Amino acid sequence: MSSQAPGVEFSRVISFLKRRYPGFAETAYQEFIAHVEPDFDELSYEHAERLHELALEWAIFDKPLEGGLSGIELYCV
């Protein structure tokens, strides 16, 4: 038995969103960075990586898409 919790494989959600919205990941990342306005000169490599992860998380769970639904909601519909 797998030690992973059951649930959605996020790589599938990302693939779904990329097919449905070409350029999705890049656009979402740019929107997230514009909203957060981080100072990349002050960020360590690890913090910059974490920022990329947070941008992707925001894009999947919080960024409003069709009808105000998030990416995860559209994937599950």
PDB file of N, CA and C in Angstrom:
ATOM      1  N   MET A   1       0.842  -1.191   0.000  1.00  0.00           N
ATOM      2  CA  MET A   1       0.000   0.000   0.000  1.00  0.00           C
ATOM      3  C   MET A   1       0.882   1.249   0.000  1.00  0.00           C
ATOM      4  N   SER A   2       0.489   2.232  -0.752  1.00  0.00           N
ATOM      5  CA  SER A   2       1.267   3.454  -0.872  1.00  0.00           C
ATOM      6  C   SER A   2       1.154   4.291   0.392  1.00  0.00           C
ATOM      7  N   SER A   3       2.252   4.982   0.716  1.00  0.00           N
ATOM      8  CA  SER A   3       2.238   5.869   1.875  1.00  0.00           C
ATOM      9  C   SER A   3       1.629   7.223   1.536  1.00  0.00           C
ATOM     10  N   GLN A   4       1.381   7.465   0.250  1.00  0.00           N
ATOM     11  CA  GLN A   4       0.785   8.732  -0.156  1.00  0.00           C
ATOM     12  C   GLN A   4      -0.705   8.737   0.162  1.00  0.00           C
ATOM     13  N   ALA A   5      -1.191   9.927   0.515  1.00  0.00           N
ATOM     14  CA  ALA A   5      -2.616  10.074   0.765  1.00  0.00           C
ATOM     15  C   ALA A   5      -3.367   9.981  -0.557  1.00  0.00           C
ATOM     16  N   PRO A   6      -4.542   9.379  -0.562  1.00  0.00           N
ATOM     17  CA  PRO A   6      -5.320   9.329  -1.797  1.00  0.00           C
ATOM     18  C   PRO A   6      -5.746  10.727  -2.206  1.00  0.00           C
ATOM     19  N   GLY A   7      -5.872  10.948  -3.479  1.00  0.00           N
ATOM     20  CA  GLY A   7      -6.315  12.253  -3.944  1.00  0.00           C
ATOM     21  C   GLY A   7      -5.905  12.474  -5.380  1.00  0.00           C
ATOM     22  N   VAL A   8      -5.981  13.691  -5.790  1.00  0.00           N
ATOM     23  CA  VAL A   8      -5.695  14.082  -7.152  1.00  0.00           C
ATOM     24  C   VAL A   8      -4.181  14.143  -7.357  1.00  0.00           C
ATOM     25  N   GLU A   9      -3.714  13.634  -8.483  1.00  0.00           N
ATOM     26  CA  GLU A   9      -2.310  13.800  -8.858  1.00  0.00           C
ATOM     27  C   GLU A   9      -2.200  15.162  -9.532  1.00  0.00           C
ATOM     28  N   PHE A  10      -1.472  16.063  -8.923  1.00  0.00           N
ATOM     29  CA  PHE A  10      -1.453  17.435  -9.408  1.00  0.00           C
ATOM     30  C   PHE A  10      -0.808  17.566 -10.773  1.00  0.00           C
ATOM     31  N   SER A  11       0.055  16.632 -11.148  1.00  0.00           N
ATOM     32  CA  SER A  11       0.624  16.693 -12.496  1.00  0.00           C
ATOM     33  C   SER A  11      -0.478  16.530 -13.539  1.00  0.00           C
ATOM     34  N   ARG A  12      -1.508  15.750 -13.209  1.00  0.00           N
ATOM     35  CA  ARG A  12      -2.645  15.598 -14.129  1.00  0.00           C
ATOM     36  C   ARG A  12      -3.449  16.898 -14.234  1.00  0.00           C
ATOM     37  N   VAL A  13      -3.603  17.572 -13.117  1.00  0.00           N
ATOM     38  CA  VAL A  13      -4.327  18.848 -13.123  1.00  0.00           C
ATOM     39  C   VAL A  13      -3.556  19.864 -13.962  1.00  0.00           C
ATOM     40  N   ILE A  14      -2.249  19.915 -13.771  1.00  0.00           N
ATOM     41  CA  ILE A  14      -1.423  20.856 -14.519  1.00  0.00           C
ATOM     42  C   ILE A  14      -1.480  20.538 -16.012  1.00  0.00           C
ATOM     43  N   SER A  15      -1.380  19.275 -16.374  1.00  0.00           N
ATOM     44  CA  SER A  15      -1.470  18.876 -17.789  1.00  0.00           C
ATOM     45  C   SER A  15      -2.819  19.260 -18.375  1.00  0.00           C
ATOM     46  N   PHE A  16      -3.887  19.027 -17.620  1.00  0.00           N
ATOM     47  CA  PHE A  16      -5.235  19.395 -18.047  1.00  0.00           C
ATOM     48  C   PHE A  16      -5.320  20.901 -18.309  1.00  0.00           C
ATOM     49  N   LEU A  17      -4.804  21.693 -17.373  1.00  0.00           N
ATOM     50  CA  LEU A  17      -4.877  23.143 -17.514  1.00  0.00           C
ATOM     51  C   LEU A  17      -4.023  23.643 -18.669  1.00  0.00           C
ATOM     52  N   LYS A  18      -2.868  23.027 -18.876  1.00  0.00           N
ATOM     53  CA  LYS A  18      -2.016  23.426 -19.996  1.00  0.00           C
ATOM     54  C   LYS A  18      -2.671  23.119 -21.340  1.00  0.00           C
ATOM     55  N   ARG A  19      -3.384  21.990 -21.412  1.00  0.00           N
ATOM     56  CA  ARG A  19      -4.090  21.657 -22.657  1.00  0.00           C
ATOM     57  C   ARG A  19      -5.252  22.616 -22.893  1.00  0.00           C
ATOM     58  N   ARG A  20      -5.980  22.903 -21.836  1.00  0.00           N
ATOM     59  CA  ARG A  20      -7.168  23.751 -21.964  1.00  0.00           C
ATOM     60  C   ARG A  20      -6.814  25.223 -22.139  1.00  0.00           C
ATOM     61  N   TYR A  21      -5.746  25.644 -21.505  1.00  0.00           N
ATOM     62  CA  TYR A  21      -5.306  27.042 -21.545  1.00  0.00           C
ATOM     63  C   TYR A  21      -3.824  27.088 -21.915  1.00  0.00           C
ATOM     64  N   PRO A  22      -3.494  27.097 -23.200  1.00  0.00           N
ATOM     65  CA  PRO A  22      -2.086  27.173 -23.589  1.00  0.00           C
ATOM     66  C   PRO A  22      -1.405  28.380 -22.936  1.00  0.00           C
ATOM     67  N   GLY A  23      -0.235  28.162 -22.404  1.00  0.00           N
ATOM     68  CA  GLY A  23       0.484  29.233 -21.708  1.00  0.00           C
ATOM     69  C   GLY A  23       0.022  29.448 -20.284  1.00  0.00           C
ATOM     70  N   PHE A  24      -0.830  28.550 -19.783  1.00  0.00           N
ATOM     71  CA  PHE A  24      -1.422  28.704 -18.453  1.00  0.00           C
ATOM     72  C   PHE A  24      -0.376  28.916 -17.358  1.00  0.00           C
ATOM     73  N   ALA A  25       0.596  28.030 -17.285  1.00  0.00           N
ATOM     74  CA  ALA A  25       1.567  28.073 -16.184  1.00  0.00           C
ATOM     75  C   ALA A  25       2.375  29.374 -16.213  1.00  0.00           C
ATOM     76  N   GLU A  26       2.822  29.772 -17.379  1.00  0.00           N
ATOM     77  CA  GLU A  26       3.629  30.977 -17.501  1.00  0.00           C
ATOM     78  C   GLU A  26       2.820  32.226 -17.141  1.00  0.00           C
ATOM     79  N   THR A  27       1.602  32.277 -17.657  1.00  0.00           N
ATOM     80  CA  THR A  27       0.733  33.424 -17.379  1.00  0.00           C
ATOM     81  C   THR A  27       0.399  33.507 -15.893  1.00  0.00           C
ATOM     82  N   ALA A  28       0.052  32.373 -15.310  1.00  0.00           N
ATOM     83  CA  ALA A  28      -0.286  32.352 -13.886  1.00  0.00           C
ATOM     84  C   ALA A  28       0.910  32.766 -13.039  1.00  0.00           C
ATOM     85  N   TYR A  29       2.093  32.277 -13.399  1.00  0.00           N
ATOM     86  CA  TYR A  29       3.302  32.641 -12.650  1.00  0.00           C
ATOM     87  C   TYR A  29       3.528  34.146 -12.726  1.00  0.00           C
ATOM     88  N   GLN A  30       3.401  34.730 -13.903  1.00  0.00           N
ATOM     89  CA  GLN A  30       3.597  36.170 -14.063  1.00  0.00           C
ATOM     90  C   GLN A  30       2.583  36.966 -13.242  1.00  0.00           C
ATOM     91  N   GLU A  31       1.323  36.513 -13.238  1.00  0.00           N
ATOM     92  CA  GLU A  31       0.288  37.191 -12.441  1.00  0.00           C
ATOM     93  C   GLU A  31       0.605  37.108 -10.952  1.00  0.00           C
ATOM     94  N   PHE A  32       1.028  35.936 -10.508  1.00  0.00           N
ATOM     95  CA  PHE A  32       1.349  35.745  -9.097  1.00  0.00           C
ATOM     96  C   PHE A  32       2.514  36.648  -8.689  1.00  0.00           C
ATOM     97  N   ILE A  33       3.563  36.668  -9.485  1.00  0.00           N
ATOM     98  CA  ILE A  33       4.735  37.487  -9.183  1.00  0.00           C
ATOM     99  C   ILE A  33       4.368  38.972  -9.183  1.00  0.00           C
ATOM    100  N   ALA A  34       3.537  39.402 -10.113  1.00  0.00           N
ATOM    101  CA  ALA A  34       3.103  40.798 -10.163  1.00  0.00           C
ATOM    102  C   ALA A  34       2.314  41.160  -8.908  1.00  0.00           C
ATOM    103  N   HIS A  35       1.536  40.209  -8.402  1.00  0.00           N
ATOM    104  CA  HIS A  35       0.742  40.452  -7.194  1.00  0.00           C
ATOM    105  C   HIS A  35       1.607  40.472  -5.938  1.00  0.00           C
ATOM    106  N   VAL A  36       2.548  39.558  -5.849  1.00  0.00           N
ATOM    107  CA  VAL A  36       3.380  39.423  -4.648  1.00  0.00           C
ATOM    108  C   VAL A  36       4.541  40.414  -4.631  1.00  0.00           C
ATOM    109  N   GLU A  37       5.056  40.748  -5.806  1.00  0.00           N
ATOM    110  CA  GLU A  37       6.175  41.680  -5.967  1.00  0.00           C
ATOM    111  C   GLU A  37       7.386  41.323  -5.099  1.00  0.00           C
ATOM    112  N   PRO A  38       7.943  40.122  -5.270  1.00  0.00           N
ATOM    113  CA  PRO A  38       9.108  39.747  -4.462  1.00  0.00           C
ATOM    114  C   PRO A  38      10.372  40.469  -4.941  1.00  0.00           C
ATOM    115  N   ASP A  39      11.302  40.636  -4.038  1.00  0.00           N
ATOM    116  CA  ASP A  39      12.610  41.194  -4.387  1.00  0.00           C
ATOM    117  C   ASP A  39      13.544  40.019  -4.621  1.00  0.00           C
ATOM    118  N   PHE A  40      13.685  39.619  -5.885  1.00  0.00           N
ATOM    119  CA  PHE A  40      14.486  38.444  -6.215  1.00  0.00           C
ATOM    120  C   PHE A  40      15.952  38.610  -5.818  1.00  0.00           C
ATOM    121  N   ASP A  41      16.437  39.844  -5.761  1.00  0.00           N
ATOM    122  CA  ASP A  41      17.830  40.064  -5.358  1.00  0.00           C
ATOM    123  C   ASP A  41      18.066  39.670  -3.908  1.00  0.00           C
ATOM    124  N   GLU A  42      17.018  39.712  -3.108  1.00  0.00           N
ATOM    125  CA  GLU A  42      17.132  39.397  -1.687  1.00  0.00           C
ATOM    126  C   GLU A  42      16.791  37.944  -1.360  1.00  0.00           C
ATOM    127  N   LEU A  43      16.272  37.193  -2.333  1.00  0.00           N
ATOM    128  CA  LEU A  43      15.846  35.822  -2.088  1.00  0.00           C
ATOM    129  C   LEU A  43      16.976  34.833  -2.298  1.00  0.00           C
ATOM    130  N   SER A  44      17.062  33.879  -1.396  1.00  0.00           N
ATOM    131  CA  SER A  44      17.995  32.776  -1.609  1.00  0.00           C
ATOM    132  C   SER A  44      17.420  31.878  -2.697  1.00  0.00           C
ATOM    133  N   TYR A  45      18.240  30.985  -3.215  1.00  0.00           N
ATOM    134  CA  TYR A  45      17.788  30.044  -4.237  1.00  0.00           C
ATOM    135  C   TYR A  45      16.617  29.224  -3.716  1.00  0.00           C
ATOM    136  N   GLU A  46      16.712  28.766  -2.467  1.00  0.00           N
ATOM    137  CA  GLU A  46      15.645  27.948  -1.871  1.00  0.00           C
ATOM    138  C   GLU A  46      14.343  28.730  -1.763  1.00  0.00           C
ATOM    139  N   HIS A  47      14.439  30.001  -1.393  1.00  0.00           N
ATOM    140  CA  HIS A  47      13.230  30.821  -1.290  1.00  0.00           C
ATOM    141  C   HIS A  47      12.629  31.104  -2.666  1.00  0.00           C
ATOM    142  N   ALA A  48      13.478  31.283  -3.659  1.00  0.00           N
ATOM    143  CA  ALA A  48      12.979  31.496  -5.024  1.00  0.00           C
ATOM    144  C   ALA A  48      12.274  30.237  -5.523  1.00  0.00           C
ATOM    145  N   GLU A  49      12.830  29.072  -5.225  1.00  0.00           N
ATOM    146  CA  GLU A  49      12.172  27.811  -5.593  1.00  0.00           C
ATOM    147  C   GLU A  49      10.823  27.695  -4.906  1.00  0.00           C
ATOM    148  N   ARG A  50      10.775  28.034  -3.639  1.00  0.00           N
ATOM    149  CA  ARG A  50       9.512  27.965  -2.886  1.00  0.00           C
ATOM    150  C   ARG A  50       8.496  28.930  -3.474  1.00  0.00           C
ATOM    151  N   LEU A  51       8.938  30.074  -3.928  1.00  0.00           N
ATOM    152  CA  LEU A  51       8.046  31.051  -4.553  1.00  0.00           C
ATOM    153  C   LEU A  51       7.424  30.460  -5.813  1.00  0.00           C
ATOM    154  N   HIS A  52       8.211  29.736  -6.592  1.00  0.00           N
ATOM    155  CA  HIS A  52       7.692  29.062  -7.791  1.00  0.00           C
ATOM    156  C   HIS A  52       6.634  28.034  -7.396  1.00  0.00           C
ATOM    157  N   GLU A  53       6.892  27.282  -6.331  1.00  0.00           N
ATOM    158  CA  GLU A  53       5.924  26.291  -5.857  1.00  0.00           C
ATOM    159  C   GLU A  53       4.627  26.963  -5.406  1.00  0.00           C
ATOM    160  N   LEU A  54       4.759  28.062  -4.693  1.00  0.00           N
ATOM    161  CA  LEU A  54       3.567  28.788  -4.232  1.00  0.00           C
ATOM    162  C   LEU A  54       2.768  29.349  -5.411  1.00  0.00           C
ATOM    163  N   ALA A  55       3.466  29.812  -6.438  1.00  0.00           N
ATOM    164  CA  ALA A  55       2.782  30.327  -7.630  1.00  0.00           C
ATOM    165  C   ALA A  55       1.974  29.223  -8.292  1.00  0.00           C
ATOM    166  N   LEU A  56       2.547  28.044  -8.381  1.00  0.00           N
ATOM    167  CA  LEU A  56       1.833  26.923  -8.987  1.00  0.00           C
ATOM    168  C   LEU A  56       0.641  26.509  -8.123  1.00  0.00           C
ATOM    169  N   GLU A  57       0.836  26.496  -6.827  1.00  0.00           N
ATOM    170  CA  GLU A  57      -0.264  26.171  -5.913  1.00  0.00           C
ATOM    171  C   GLU A  57      -1.397  27.181  -6.067  1.00  0.00           C
ATOM    172  N   TRP A  58      -1.058  28.455  -6.123  1.00  0.00           N
ATOM    173  CA  TRP A  58      -2.067  29.508  -6.319  1.00  0.00           C
ATOM    174  C   TRP A  58      -2.799  29.296  -7.640  1.00  0.00           C
ATOM    175  N   ALA A  59      -2.029  28.966  -8.697  1.00  0.00           N
ATOM    176  CA  ALA A  59      -2.629  28.777 -10.014  1.00  0.00           C
ATOM    177  C   ALA A  59      -3.627  27.631 -10.030  1.00  0.00           C
ATOM    178  N   ILE A  60      -3.352  26.578  -9.284  1.00  0.00           N
ATOM    179  CA  ILE A  60      -4.238  25.416  -9.258  1.00  0.00           C
ATOM    180  C   ILE A  60      -5.460  25.645  -8.371  1.00  0.00           C
ATOM    181  N   PHE A  61      -5.247  26.215  -7.197  1.00  0.00           N
ATOM    182  CA  PHE A  61      -6.318  26.274  -6.201  1.00  0.00           C
ATOM    183  C   PHE A  61      -7.051  27.606  -6.092  1.00  0.00           C
ATOM    184  N   ASP A  62      -6.407  28.701  -6.459  1.00  0.00           N
ATOM    185  CA  ASP A  62      -7.010  30.014  -6.182  1.00  0.00           C
ATOM    186  C   ASP A  62      -7.272  30.899  -7.393  1.00  0.00           C
ATOM    187  N   LYS A  63      -6.507  30.740  -8.454  1.00  0.00           N
ATOM    188  CA  LYS A  63      -6.666  31.614  -9.626  1.00  0.00           C
ATOM    189  C   LYS A  63      -8.023  31.353 -10.267  1.00  0.00           C
ATOM    190  N   PRO A  64      -8.874  32.385 -10.343  1.00  0.00           N
ATOM    191  CA  PRO A  64     -10.173  32.191 -10.974  1.00  0.00           C
ATOM    192  C   PRO A  64     -10.042  32.030 -12.487  1.00  0.00           C
ATOM    193  N   LEU A  65     -10.730  31.024 -13.007  1.00  0.00           N
ATOM    194  CA  LEU A  65     -10.743  30.763 -14.445  1.00  0.00           C
ATOM    195  C   LEU A  65     -12.182  30.862 -14.929  1.00  0.00           C
ATOM    196  N   GLU A  66     -12.625  29.936 -15.740  1.00  0.00           N
ATOM    197  CA  GLU A  66     -13.988  29.963 -16.286  1.00  0.00           C
ATOM    198  C   GLU A  66     -15.036  30.006 -15.171  1.00  0.00           C
ATOM    199  N   GLY A  67     -15.946  30.952 -15.290  1.00  0.00           N
ATOM    200  CA  GLY A  67     -17.044  31.044 -14.328  1.00  0.00           C
ATOM    201  C   GLY A  67     -16.584  31.252 -12.900  1.00  0.00           C
ATOM    202  N   GLY A  68     -15.358  31.735 -12.715  1.00  0.00           N
ATOM    203  CA  GLY A  68     -14.833  31.960 -11.376  1.00  0.00           C
ATOM    204  C   GLY A  68     -14.326  30.696 -10.696  1.00  0.00           C
ATOM    205  N   LEU A  69     -14.358  29.572 -11.409  1.00  0.00           N
ATOM    206  CA  LEU A  69     -13.880  28.315 -10.836  1.00  0.00           C
ATOM    207  C   LEU A  69     -12.359  28.256 -10.892  1.00  0.00           C
ATOM    208  N   SER A  70     -11.776  27.581  -9.919  1.00  0.00           N
ATOM    209  CA  SER A  70     -10.325  27.379  -9.909  1.00  0.00           C
ATOM    210  C   SER A  70      -9.972  26.225 -10.837  1.00  0.00           C
ATOM    211  N   GLY A  71      -8.690  26.063 -11.095  1.00  0.00           N
ATOM    212  CA  GLY A  71      -8.231  24.969 -11.941  1.00  0.00           C
ATOM    213  C   GLY A  71      -8.607  23.610 -11.395  1.00  0.00           C
ATOM    214  N   ILE A  72      -8.465  23.414 -10.108  1.00  0.00           N
ATOM    215  CA  ILE A  72      -8.807  22.127  -9.502  1.00  0.00           C
ATOM    216  C   ILE A  72     -10.305  21.871  -9.608  1.00  0.00           C
ATOM    217  N   GLU A  73     -11.111  22.910  -9.466  1.00  0.00           N
ATOM    218  CA  GLU A  73     -12.568  22.745  -9.601  1.00  0.00           C
ATOM    219  C   GLU A  73     -12.933  22.377 -11.031  1.00  0.00           C
ATOM    220  N   LEU A  74     -12.312  23.016 -12.018  1.00  0.00           N
ATOM    221  CA  LEU A  74     -12.587  22.680 -13.413  1.00  0.00           C
ATOM    222  C   LEU A  74     -12.155  21.258 -13.721  1.00  0.00           C
ATOM    223  N   TYR A  75     -11.046  20.830 -13.178  1.00  0.00           N
ATOM    224  CA  TYR A  75     -10.562  19.463 -13.403  1.00  0.00           C
ATOM    225  C   TYR A  75     -11.548  18.445 -12.832  1.00  0.00           C
ATOM    226  N   CYS A  76     -12.127  18.748 -11.713  1.00  0.00           N
ATOM    227  CA  CYS A  76     -13.018  17.800 -11.027  1.00  0.00           C
ATOM    228  C   CYS A  76     -14.435  17.778 -11.583  1.00  0.00           C
ATOM    229  N   VAL A  77     -14.798  18.798 -12.344  1.00  0.00           N
ATOM    230  CA  VAL A  77     -16.160  18.885 -12.880  1.00  0.00           C
ATOM    231  C   VAL A  77     -16.352  17.891 -14.007  1.00  0.00           C
TER     232      VAL A  77
END
